Amino acid sequence: MVGLPTCQRAWCAPCYKALPGEDFLIYRERDKCTELIALNEEDNYLAARPGDHLFCPFECDLCVFHCLLGRTPQSSSHTDQRLLVYIWHANLDAFWSRRPGTVDGLRQLFLQQVKVGESFGFEMFQPLGPFPQGYDSAIKTAIGVLAQSQKPGRHEAKQKYSSVRKVRSLNTNLYNASVRAAVENLVWRSEKARFVATTAPSKSEWYNRFMSSFHSRVGDRHKRDAAISIQQMLAIQEILIEEWDEATTSGDLAEQRTIAETAVFFLVGYCCSLRGFELPKIVLTELKSKIVLVGQPGGDPAHVGVPMVGRFKACTNATQKLLVYTTMETASGLLPGIWVN
């Protein structure tokens, strides 16, 4: 596929190597990337299958090109040829929203039904086209998605699906804000719900097919945040204790306060499971109240209260005051209560 690297595929596996005797997978070198492909799926997304055009809204590449630019493509123009490639691949993605077995089964049934109509002297099915002049299947949005998917991501060479799909949201929101939506959309209500019938191109049958197949082709790549381990937290606390001792010996009160605030940021955030943007909501001036729950012998250990002020998730939009408790000392050796004091 010219211009669309195959390493966008969901089964791209740069670290895999072919092993002797394996016949259920095919390893193919392309664009400095090893593809991990199941047997008989070598041509998936690279070519249409018999019957694809029967079960997916379809306009040929030249018709789509003419609708977009009002002329035929020029063989000498690199831009025209590149646009044809994107149109071609958008149509292929729309076709491949169905599995090969599904398409073949529907095609066989279609041919059987055509013969039934011929035996009685009528046409069983209405013509599928042509589409009217000015028909918008959202091909522009699809081309935008394909072009965006080729741009560098924040952490990877190509943008992932969760980033690229925002192109559809952008086009839908722009349509909803346009005069077309005000004139063409219909709104009706049931007793407890509100429904909208929209003519937004990004909600069309063809575009839904395209996005479904595009998602299957590129897959999902997740980059989750790694949790801080207890060993890391203990090491951080050890460093803070050493710095505290040095500041205490020198009598530097400003440095002591900075170290204590840093320790509270790390340890209270970790022990109370607070998010980074929630930690600044701790009211340091209220910590002098020393809100403590005294532990009981053989029961719960002592806890220290951490007052917070601000807006919090799952609460109202108004400013809230919360009191979050954490143990004075964890079983692993963290000392949030000491640092709060």
Protein backbone atom coordinates (compact mmCIF):
# COMPACT_ATOMS: atom_id res chain seq x y z
CA MET A 1 0.00 0.00 0.00
CA VAL A 2 1.74 3.15 -1.19
CA GLY A 3 1.92 5.88 1.42
CA LEU A 4 0.28 3.88 4.21
CA PRO A 5 2.88 1.83 6.13
CA THR A 6 1.73 -1.66 7.00
CA CYS A 7 3.20 -1.22 10.50
CA GLN A 8 -0.04 0.62 11.33
CA ARG A 9 -1.65 -2.79 11.53
CA ALA A 10 -2.85 -4.14 14.85
CA TRP A 11 -0.73 -7.27 14.57
CA CYS A 12 2.52 -5.45 13.89
CA ALA A 13 5.17 -7.16 16.05
CA PRO A 14 8.68 -5.69 15.61
CA CYS A 15 10.15 -7.94 18.30
CA TYR A 16 8.89 -11.27 16.93
CA LYS A 17 11.16 -13.59 14.97
CA ALA A 18 10.19 -16.50 12.75
CA LEU A 19 10.62 -19.85 14.47
CA PRO A 20 11.35 -23.05 12.51
CA GLY A 21 8.44 -25.36 11.88
CA GLU A 22 5.67 -22.79 12.42
CA ASP A 23 3.00 -22.87 9.75
CA PHE A 24 0.11 -21.05 11.43
CA LEU A 25 1.69 -17.61 11.20
CA ILE A 26 3.39 -15.72 8.42
CA TYR A 27 6.30 -13.40 9.13
CA ARG A 28 6.91 -10.74 6.52
CA GLU A 29 9.55 -8.03 6.48
CA ARG A 30 8.30 -4.63 5.27
CA ASP A 31 9.27 -1.07 6.16
CA LYS A 32 11.83 -2.42 8.67
CA CYS A 33 9.01 -4.03 10.60
CA THR A 34 8.09 -7.68 11.06
CA GLU A 35 4.38 -8.33 10.60
CA LEU A 36 2.72 -11.16 12.47
CA ILE A 37 -0.07 -12.33 10.14
CA ALA A 38 -2.42 -15.30 10.46
CA LEU A 39 -2.52 -17.85 7.67
CA ASN A 40 -4.75 -16.82 4.72
CA GLU A 41 -4.86 -13.21 5.93
CA GLU A 42 -1.89 -11.96 3.90
CA ASP A 43 -4.08 -9.74 1.69
CA ASN A 44 -6.46 -8.44 4.36
CA TYR A 45 -7.18 -4.72 3.87
CA LEU A 46 -5.11 -4.71 0.67
CA ALA A 47 -7.75 -5.79 -1.87
CA ALA A 48 -11.52 -5.91 -2.22
CA ARG A 49 -13.38 -9.22 -2.35
CA PRO A 50 -16.16 -10.33 -4.71
CA GLY A 51 -19.42 -8.93 -3.36
CA ASP A 52 -17.94 -6.17 -1.20
CA HIS A 53 -19.65 -3.44 -3.24
CA LEU A 54 -23.05 -5.09 -2.73
CA PHE A 55 -23.14 -4.67 1.04
CA CYS A 56 -21.40 -1.36 1.60
CA PRO A 57 -22.22 2.05 0.05
CA PHE A 58 -19.61 2.39 -2.69
CA GLU A 59 -18.44 5.01 -5.14
CA CYS A 60 -15.44 4.33 -7.33
CA ASP A 61 -12.20 6.26 -6.83
CA LEU A 62 -12.70 8.46 -9.92
CA CYS A 63 -16.27 9.38 -8.94
CA VAL A 64 -15.17 10.35 -5.44
CA PHE A 65 -12.24 12.34 -6.81
CA HIS A 66 -14.55 14.22 -9.19
CA CYS A 67 -17.00 14.97 -6.36
CA LEU A 68 -14.17 16.38 -4.25
CA LEU A 69 -12.35 18.49 -6.86
CA GLY A 70 -14.77 18.72 -9.80
CA ARG A 71 -12.28 17.26 -12.30
CA THR A 72 -10.49 14.06 -13.21
CA PRO A 73 -7.12 13.21 -11.65
CA GLN A 74 -3.94 13.98 -13.56
CA SER A 75 -1.41 11.19 -13.86
CA SER A 76 1.46 13.70 -13.73
CA SER A 77 0.28 15.21 -10.41
CA HIS A 78 1.78 13.63 -7.29
CA THR A 79 -0.93 15.26 -5.15
CA ASP A 80 -3.72 13.78 -7.30
CA GLN A 81 -2.20 10.32 -7.15
CA ARG A 82 -1.71 10.56 -3.40
CA LEU A 83 -5.35 11.58 -2.95
CA LEU A 84 -6.43 8.58 -5.03
CA VAL A 85 -4.43 6.34 -2.71
CA TYR A 86 -6.28 7.71 0.33
CA ILE A 87 -9.67 7.34 -1.42
CA TRP A 88 -8.76 3.81 -2.40
CA HIS A 89 -7.75 2.86 1.11
CA ALA A 90 -10.81 4.51 2.66
CA ASN A 91 -13.03 2.36 0.45
CA LEU A 92 -11.01 -0.74 1.34
CA ASP A 93 -11.38 -0.02 5.04
CA ALA A 94 -15.14 0.35 4.61
CA PHE A 95 -15.29 -2.98 2.74
CA TRP A 96 -13.28 -4.82 5.40
CA SER A 97 -15.73 -4.00 8.18
CA ARG A 98 -17.14 -7.46 7.44
CA ARG A 99 -15.21 -10.72 7.62
CA PRO A 100 -14.51 -12.65 4.39
CA GLY A 101 -16.86 -15.50 5.32
CA THR A 102 -19.74 -13.07 5.93
CA VAL A 103 -19.24 -11.34 2.58
CA ASP A 104 -18.96 -14.62 0.69
CA GLY A 105 -22.09 -16.01 2.34
CA LEU A 106 -24.11 -12.90 1.53
CA ARG A 107 -22.82 -12.91 -2.05
CA GLN A 108 -23.87 -16.53 -2.59
CA LEU A 109 -27.33 -15.78 -1.17
CA PHE A 110 -27.55 -12.68 -3.40
CA LEU A 111 -26.82 -14.72 -6.53
CA GLN A 112 -29.41 -17.30 -5.54
CA GLN A 113 -32.05 -14.61 -5.02
CA VAL A 114 -31.23 -13.02 -8.38
CA LYS A 115 -31.97 -16.36 -10.06
CA VAL A 116 -35.28 -16.56 -8.18
CA GLY A 117 -36.28 -13.20 -9.63
CA GLU A 118 -35.16 -14.17 -13.13
CA SER A 119 -37.24 -17.35 -12.98
CA PHE A 120 -40.36 -15.23 -12.44
CA GLY A 121 -39.39 -12.48 -14.87
CA PHE A 122 -38.66 -9.57 -12.51
CA GLU A 123 -35.63 -7.97 -10.92
CA MET A 124 -35.28 -9.08 -7.32
CA PHE A 125 -33.30 -6.02 -6.18
CA GLN A 126 -33.34 -2.32 -6.94
CA PRO A 127 -30.21 -0.73 -8.48
CA LEU A 128 -27.66 0.31 -5.86
CA GLY A 129 -26.65 3.56 -7.56
CA PRO A 130 -25.61 5.95 -8.82
CA PHE A 131 -25.42 8.34 -5.88
CA PRO A 132 -26.85 11.81 -6.50
CA GLN A 133 -24.63 14.79 -7.23
CA GLY A 134 -23.39 16.35 -4.01
CA TYR A 135 -23.90 13.22 -1.92
CA ASP A 136 -21.59 13.37 1.11
CA SER A 137 -20.57 10.00 2.53
CA ALA A 138 -17.94 11.64 4.82
CA ILE A 139 -15.07 10.66 2.55
CA LYS A 140 -13.35 13.95 3.48
CA THR A 141 -13.46 12.99 7.15
CA ALA A 142 -12.12 9.52 6.33
CA ILE A 143 -9.21 11.01 4.38
CA GLY A 144 -8.54 13.29 7.34
CA VAL A 145 -8.46 10.26 9.65
CA LEU A 146 -6.03 8.38 7.41
CA ALA A 147 -3.76 11.41 7.03
CA GLN A 148 -3.82 12.07 10.79
CA SER A 149 -2.91 8.45 11.51
CA GLN A 150 0.36 8.94 9.63
CA LYS A 151 1.51 11.85 11.80
CA PRO A 152 3.91 11.29 14.71
CA GLY A 153 2.32 10.62 18.08
CA ARG A 154 3.47 11.89 21.45
CA HIS A 155 5.25 8.65 22.36
CA GLU A 156 5.26 6.65 19.10
CA ALA A 157 6.08 7.00 15.43
CA LYS A 158 2.39 7.02 14.43
CA GLN A 159 -0.68 8.30 16.25
CA LYS A 160 -2.85 5.66 17.89
CA TYR A 161 -6.55 5.10 17.29
CA SER A 162 -7.70 6.85 20.47
CA SER A 163 -6.05 10.05 19.19
CA VAL A 164 -7.03 9.75 15.53
CA ARG A 165 -10.73 9.12 16.25
CA LYS A 166 -11.02 12.71 17.51
CA VAL A 167 -11.11 13.76 13.85
CA ARG A 168 -14.61 12.28 13.66
CA SER A 169 -15.67 14.10 16.83
CA LEU A 170 -14.33 17.35 15.39
CA ASN A 171 -16.34 16.99 12.19
CA THR A 172 -19.51 16.00 14.06
CA ASN A 173 -19.26 19.00 16.39
CA LEU A 174 -18.65 21.37 13.49
CA TYR A 175 -21.69 19.97 11.68
CA ASN A 176 -23.87 20.31 14.80
CA ALA A 177 -22.85 23.97 15.05
CA SER A 178 -23.68 24.67 11.39
CA VAL A 179 -26.86 25.93 9.75
CA ARG A 180 -27.24 22.53 8.06
CA ALA A 181 -27.88 20.87 11.41
CA ALA A 182 -30.39 23.56 12.36
CA VAL A 183 -32.33 23.01 9.12
CA GLU A 184 -31.95 19.27 8.52
CA ASN A 185 -31.89 17.65 11.98
CA LEU A 186 -35.08 16.42 13.61
CA VAL A 187 -35.61 16.27 17.36
CA TRP A 188 -38.34 14.31 19.08
CA ARG A 189 -38.94 13.40 22.67
CA SER A 190 -40.35 10.47 24.51
CA GLU A 191 -41.50 10.68 28.11
CA LYS A 192 -37.99 10.40 29.55
CA ALA A 193 -35.59 10.79 26.65
CA ARG A 194 -34.62 13.06 23.79
CA PHE A 195 -33.75 11.68 20.37
CA VAL A 196 -32.09 13.40 17.41
CA ALA A 197 -32.29 12.28 13.79
CA THR A 198 -29.17 13.71 12.15
CA THR A 199 -27.89 13.92 8.59
CA ALA A 200 -24.28 14.45 9.71
CA PRO A 201 -21.97 12.74 7.17
CA SER A 202 -19.80 11.44 10.02
CA LYS A 203 -22.80 9.37 11.18
CA SER A 204 -23.46 7.80 7.77
CA GLU A 205 -23.55 4.05 7.13
CA TRP A 206 -20.41 4.19 4.98
CA TYR A 207 -18.43 6.15 7.56
CA ASN A 208 -19.47 3.82 10.39
CA ARG A 209 -18.22 0.93 8.29
CA PHE A 210 -14.96 2.77 7.60
CA MET A 211 -14.26 3.57 11.27
CA SER A 212 -15.09 0.05 12.41
CA SER A 213 -12.63 -1.47 9.94
CA PHE A 214 -9.99 1.22 10.54
CA HIS A 215 -10.16 0.45 14.26
CA SER A 216 -9.70 -3.27 13.58
CA ARG A 217 -6.77 -2.60 11.25
CA VAL A 218 -4.72 -0.28 13.48
CA GLY A 219 -5.85 -1.73 16.82
CA ASP A 220 -5.51 -0.12 20.25
CA ARG A 221 -2.19 0.73 21.82
CA HIS A 222 -2.44 1.58 25.50
CA LYS A 223 0.21 3.46 27.45
CA ARG A 224 -0.77 3.14 31.07
CA ASP A 225 0.82 5.05 33.92
CA ALA A 226 3.00 2.81 36.05
CA ALA A 227 2.22 2.85 39.75
CA ILE A 228 4.94 3.92 42.21
CA SER A 229 6.16 0.86 44.10
CA ILE A 230 6.42 0.69 47.88
CA GLN A 231 10.20 0.26 47.50
CA GLN A 232 10.39 3.57 45.65
CA MET A 233 8.31 5.30 48.32
CA LEU A 234 10.53 3.95 51.11
CA ALA A 235 13.62 5.18 49.23
CA ILE A 236 12.05 8.65 48.81
CA GLN A 237 11.23 8.76 52.52
CA GLU A 238 14.81 7.80 53.41
CA ILE A 239 16.18 10.66 51.30
CA LEU A 240 13.76 13.10 52.93
CA ILE A 241 14.77 11.94 56.42
CA GLU A 242 18.44 12.55 55.62
CA GLU A 243 17.68 16.03 54.26
CA TRP A 244 15.53 16.79 57.32
CA ASP A 245 18.36 15.83 59.67
CA GLU A 246 20.78 18.10 57.79
CA ALA A 247 18.32 21.04 57.86
CA THR A 248 17.65 20.48 61.56
CA THR A 249 21.36 20.43 62.39
CA SER A 250 21.91 23.70 60.53
CA GLY A 251 18.78 25.26 62.03
CA ASP A 252 17.36 26.15 58.59
CA LEU A 253 13.62 26.47 59.30
CA ALA A 254 12.71 27.41 55.70
CA GLU A 255 14.42 24.27 54.40
CA GLN A 256 12.68 22.18 57.06
CA ARG A 257 9.29 23.49 55.93
CA THR A 258 10.10 22.74 52.27
CA ILE A 259 11.18 19.19 53.12
CA ALA A 260 8.07 18.59 55.26
CA GLU A 261 5.75 19.87 52.51
CA THR A 262 7.50 17.65 49.97
CA ALA A 263 7.14 14.64 52.27
CA VAL A 264 3.43 15.33 52.81
CA PHE A 265 2.96 15.66 49.03
CA PHE A 266 4.51 12.23 48.43
CA LEU A 267 3.32 10.23 51.44
CA VAL A 268 -0.20 11.61 51.88
CA GLY A 269 -0.80 11.41 48.14
CA TYR A 270 0.37 7.78 48.12
CA CYS A 271 -1.37 6.62 51.31
CA CYS A 272 -4.65 8.46 50.62
CA SER A 273 -4.71 7.53 46.91
CA LEU A 274 -5.01 11.17 45.87
CA ARG A 275 -4.46 12.35 42.31
CA GLY A 276 -1.81 14.89 41.51
CA PHE A 277 -4.25 17.76 40.98
CA GLU A 278 -5.99 16.97 44.31
CA LEU A 279 -2.89 17.32 46.48
CA PRO A 280 -2.73 21.16 46.29
CA LYS A 281 -6.19 21.18 47.88
CA ILE A 282 -4.67 20.13 51.21
CA VAL A 283 -4.93 23.05 53.67
CA LEU A 284 -1.50 23.10 55.28
CA THR A 285 -2.47 25.76 57.81
CA GLU A 286 -5.16 23.44 59.21
CA LEU A 287 -2.72 20.63 59.88
CA LYS A 288 -1.71 22.41 63.08
CA SER A 289 -5.02 21.21 64.56
CA LYS A 290 -3.47 17.73 64.70
CA ILE A 291 -6.70 15.86 64.03
CA VAL A 292 -5.84 12.40 65.29
CA LEU A 293 -7.84 9.23 65.84
CA VAL A 294 -6.15 7.41 68.71
CA GLY A 295 -5.54 3.73 68.10
CA GLN A 296 -6.88 1.00 70.33
CA PRO A 297 -4.87 -1.95 71.69
CA GLY A 298 -5.48 -4.88 69.42
CA GLY A 299 -7.69 -2.71 67.20
CA ASP A 300 -7.25 -0.11 64.50
CA PRO A 301 -3.97 1.84 64.59
CA ALA A 302 -3.82 5.59 65.09
CA HIS A 303 -4.85 7.75 62.13
CA VAL A 304 -4.24 11.38 61.24
CA GLY A 305 -6.76 13.61 59.47
CA VAL A 306 -5.83 15.59 56.35
CA PRO A 307 -8.20 18.55 55.69
CA MET A 308 -8.90 19.44 52.04
CA VAL A 309 -10.88 22.27 50.44
CA GLY A 310 -11.99 22.55 46.80
CA ARG A 311 -14.13 20.90 44.14
CA PHE A 312 -14.05 17.13 44.03
CA LYS A 313 -15.28 14.47 41.65
CA ALA A 314 -18.66 12.88 42.50
CA CYS A 315 -19.48 15.93 44.65
CA THR A 316 -21.39 19.08 43.73
CA ASN A 317 -19.72 21.89 41.80
CA ALA A 318 -19.64 23.96 44.99
CA THR A 319 -16.52 24.14 47.11
CA GLN A 320 -16.41 21.23 49.55
CA LYS A 321 -14.52 20.59 52.77
CA LEU A 322 -13.28 17.04 53.19
CA LEU A 323 -11.37 15.31 55.95
CA VAL A 324 -9.35 12.35 54.69
CA TYR A 325 -7.74 9.99 57.21
CA THR A 326 -4.58 7.99 56.75
CA THR A 327 -2.72 5.76 59.19
CA MET A 328 0.07 7.34 61.23
CA GLU A 329 2.44 4.55 60.18
CA THR A 330 1.89 1.90 57.53
CA ALA A 331 2.86 -1.74 57.94
CA SER A 332 5.55 -1.26 55.30
CA GLY A 333 7.23 1.57 57.22
CA LEU A 334 5.88 4.76 55.65
CA LEU A 335 5.35 7.56 58.19
CA PRO A 336 2.71 9.96 56.83
CA GLY A 337 1.53 10.91 60.37
CA ILE A 338 5.02 12.01 61.45
CA TRP A 339 5.43 14.23 58.39
CA VAL A 340 1.95 15.75 58.80
CA ASN A 341 2.94 16.78 62.35
